[in-house]
Amino acid sequence: MKLTLNYAILKFLTQKEHVSVNDIINSLYFEYNNHKSFKKHLISEILMAAKENGLISEDGYELINDELIIYYSTDENQKKMINKYLG
């Protein structure tokens, strides 16, 4: 069964370190590119909401070609919480 986009993003963050919106788009494109929320600004909102809810953490940022790239990660407790609910 295919995870919802939000859940797929959270699950992806438990498996990778130092992840940006661009990393998510590149990794999940083939499975979710037809999803109505598979847009850069909406994925950013999903990440910001997850951060505010304590599920993920900001892990740095950089400016590349006048675009602010924010990186996210999960610590062990966040991974346990996500995996507890998503399996």
C-alpha atoms as a PDB file:
ATOM      1  CA  MET A   1       0.000   0.000   0.000  1.00  0.00           C
ATOM      2  CA  LYS A   2       1.355   3.403  -1.005  1.00  0.00           C
ATOM      3  CA  LEU A   3       1.906   5.912   1.812  1.00  0.00           C
ATOM      4  CA  THR A   4       0.357   9.356   1.628  1.00  0.00           C
ATOM      5  CA  LEU A   5       2.789  12.036   0.484  1.00  0.00           C
ATOM      6  CA  ASN A   6       3.138  13.464   4.005  1.00  0.00           C
ATOM      7  CA  TYR A   7       3.945  10.043   5.439  1.00  0.00           C
ATOM      8  CA  ALA A   8       6.335   9.218   2.591  1.00  0.00           C
ATOM      9  CA  ILE A   9       8.239  12.434   3.289  1.00  0.00           C
ATOM     10  CA  LEU A  10       8.497  11.652   7.009  1.00  0.00           C
ATOM     11  CA  LYS A  11       9.578   8.080   6.301  1.00  0.00           C
ATOM     12  CA  PHE A  12      12.198   9.356   3.835  1.00  0.00           C
ATOM     13  CA  LEU A  13      13.579  11.670   6.528  1.00  0.00           C
ATOM     14  CA  THR A  14      14.070   8.711   8.892  1.00  0.00           C
ATOM     15  CA  GLN A  15      16.264   7.019   6.295  1.00  0.00           C
ATOM     16  CA  LYS A  16      18.444   9.951   5.191  1.00  0.00           C
ATOM     17  CA  GLU A  17      20.445  12.692   6.863  1.00  0.00           C
ATOM     18  CA  HIS A  18      20.528  16.379   5.959  1.00  0.00           C
ATOM     19  CA  VAL A  19      17.580  16.441   3.516  1.00  0.00           C
ATOM     20  CA  SER A  20      16.285  19.411   1.495  1.00  0.00           C
ATOM     21  CA  VAL A  21      13.055  19.871  -0.455  1.00  0.00           C
ATOM     22  CA  ASN A  22      15.053  19.257  -3.643  1.00  0.00           C
ATOM     23  CA  ASP A  23      16.297  15.919  -2.261  1.00  0.00           C
ATOM     24  CA  ILE A  24      12.718  14.896  -1.501  1.00  0.00           C
ATOM     25  CA  ILE A  25      11.504  15.897  -4.955  1.00  0.00           C
ATOM     26  CA  ASN A  26      14.340  13.993  -6.643  1.00  0.00           C
ATOM     27  CA  SER A  27      13.837  10.869  -4.542  1.00  0.00           C
ATOM     28  CA  LEU A  28      10.041  10.652  -4.534  1.00  0.00           C
ATOM     29  CA  TYR A  29       9.375  12.020  -8.029  1.00  0.00           C
ATOM     30  CA  PHE A  30       8.562   8.770  -9.829  1.00  0.00           C
ATOM     31  CA  GLU A  31       6.137   7.622  -7.148  1.00  0.00           C
ATOM     32  CA  TYR A  32       4.422  10.920  -6.296  1.00  0.00           C
ATOM     33  CA  ASN A  33       4.846  13.288  -9.262  1.00  0.00           C
ATOM     34  CA  ASN A  34       1.117  13.052 -10.086  1.00  0.00           C
ATOM     35  CA  HIS A  35       0.062  13.916  -6.535  1.00  0.00           C
ATOM     36  CA  LYS A  36      -1.617  17.328  -6.356  1.00  0.00           C
ATOM     37  CA  SER A  37       0.602  18.398  -3.428  1.00  0.00           C
ATOM     38  CA  PHE A  38       3.858  17.374  -5.105  1.00  0.00           C
ATOM     39  CA  LYS A  39       4.982  20.964  -5.559  1.00  0.00           C
ATOM     40  CA  LYS A  40       8.046  22.560  -4.032  1.00  0.00           C
ATOM     41  CA  HIS A  41       6.171  25.166  -1.982  1.00  0.00           C
ATOM     42  CA  LEU A  42       3.677  22.600  -0.647  1.00  0.00           C
ATOM     43  CA  ILE A  43       6.423  20.148   0.314  1.00  0.00           C
ATOM     44  CA  SER A  44       8.124  23.035   2.144  1.00  0.00           C
ATOM     45  CA  GLU A  45       4.890  23.598   4.067  1.00  0.00           C
ATOM     46  CA  ILE A  46       4.708  19.900   4.968  1.00  0.00           C
ATOM     47  CA  LEU A  47       8.271  20.085   6.296  1.00  0.00           C
ATOM     48  CA  MET A  48       7.615  23.270   8.267  1.00  0.00           C
ATOM     49  CA  ALA A  49       4.510  21.729   9.860  1.00  0.00           C
ATOM     50  CA  ALA A  50       6.436  18.577  10.781  1.00  0.00           C
ATOM     51  CA  LYS A  51       9.176  20.726  12.304  1.00  0.00           C
ATOM     52  CA  GLU A  52       6.688  22.733  14.356  1.00  0.00           C
ATOM     53  CA  ASN A  53       5.151  19.475  15.596  1.00  0.00           C
ATOM     54  CA  GLY A  54       8.558  18.195  16.716  1.00  0.00           C
ATOM     55  CA  LEU A  55       8.740  15.346  14.205  1.00  0.00           C
ATOM     56  CA  ILE A  56      11.824  16.694  12.399  1.00  0.00           C
ATOM     57  CA  SER A  57      14.508  19.321  13.005  1.00  0.00           C
ATOM     58  CA  GLU A  58      16.158  21.959  10.873  1.00  0.00           C
ATOM     59  CA  ASP A  59      19.692  20.853  10.128  1.00  0.00           C
ATOM     60  CA  GLY A  60      21.168  23.914   8.449  1.00  0.00           C
ATOM     61  CA  TYR A  61      20.722  26.069   5.415  1.00  0.00           C
ATOM     62  CA  GLU A  62      22.613  27.621   2.539  1.00  0.00           C
ATOM     63  CA  LEU A  63      22.014  30.067  -0.265  1.00  0.00           C
ATOM     64  CA  ILE A  64      22.451  28.549  -3.730  1.00  0.00           C
ATOM     65  CA  ASN A  65      21.815  30.729  -6.799  1.00  0.00           C
ATOM     66  CA  ASP A  66      19.726  33.154  -4.716  1.00  0.00           C
ATOM     67  CA  GLU A  67      17.548  30.303  -3.395  1.00  0.00           C
ATOM     68  CA  LEU A  68      17.476  29.534   0.330  1.00  0.00           C
ATOM     69  CA  ILE A  69      17.910  25.787   0.796  1.00  0.00           C
ATOM     70  CA  ILE A  70      16.850  24.502   4.229  1.00  0.00           C
ATOM     71  CA  TYR A  71      17.989  21.067   5.361  1.00  0.00           C
ATOM     72  CA  TYR A  72      16.082  18.822   7.738  1.00  0.00           C
ATOM     73  CA  SER A  73      16.933  15.700   9.724  1.00  0.00           C
ATOM     74  CA  THR A  74      15.528  13.414  12.403  1.00  0.00           C
ATOM     75  CA  ASP A  75      17.217  12.436  15.645  1.00  0.00           C
ATOM     76  CA  GLU A  76      16.780   9.002  17.209  1.00  0.00           C
ATOM     77  CA  ASN A  77      13.705   9.980  19.256  1.00  0.00           C
ATOM     78  CA  GLN A  78      12.020  11.544  16.228  1.00  0.00           C
ATOM     79  CA  LYS A  79      12.793   8.454  14.149  1.00  0.00           C
ATOM     80  CA  LYS A  80      11.278   6.217  16.839  1.00  0.00           C
ATOM     81  CA  MET A  81       8.138   8.353  16.988  1.00  0.00           C
ATOM     82  CA  ILE A  82       7.683   8.383  13.204  1.00  0.00           C
ATOM     83  CA  ASN A  83       8.406   4.671  12.835  1.00  0.00           C
ATOM     84  CA  LYS A  84       6.044   3.829  15.713  1.00  0.00           C
ATOM     85  CA  TYR A  85       3.117   5.304  13.798  1.00  0.00           C
ATOM     86  CA  LEU A  86       4.147   4.600  10.213  1.00  0.00           C
ATOM     87  CA  GLY A  87       5.760   1.217  10.698  1.00  0.00           C
END
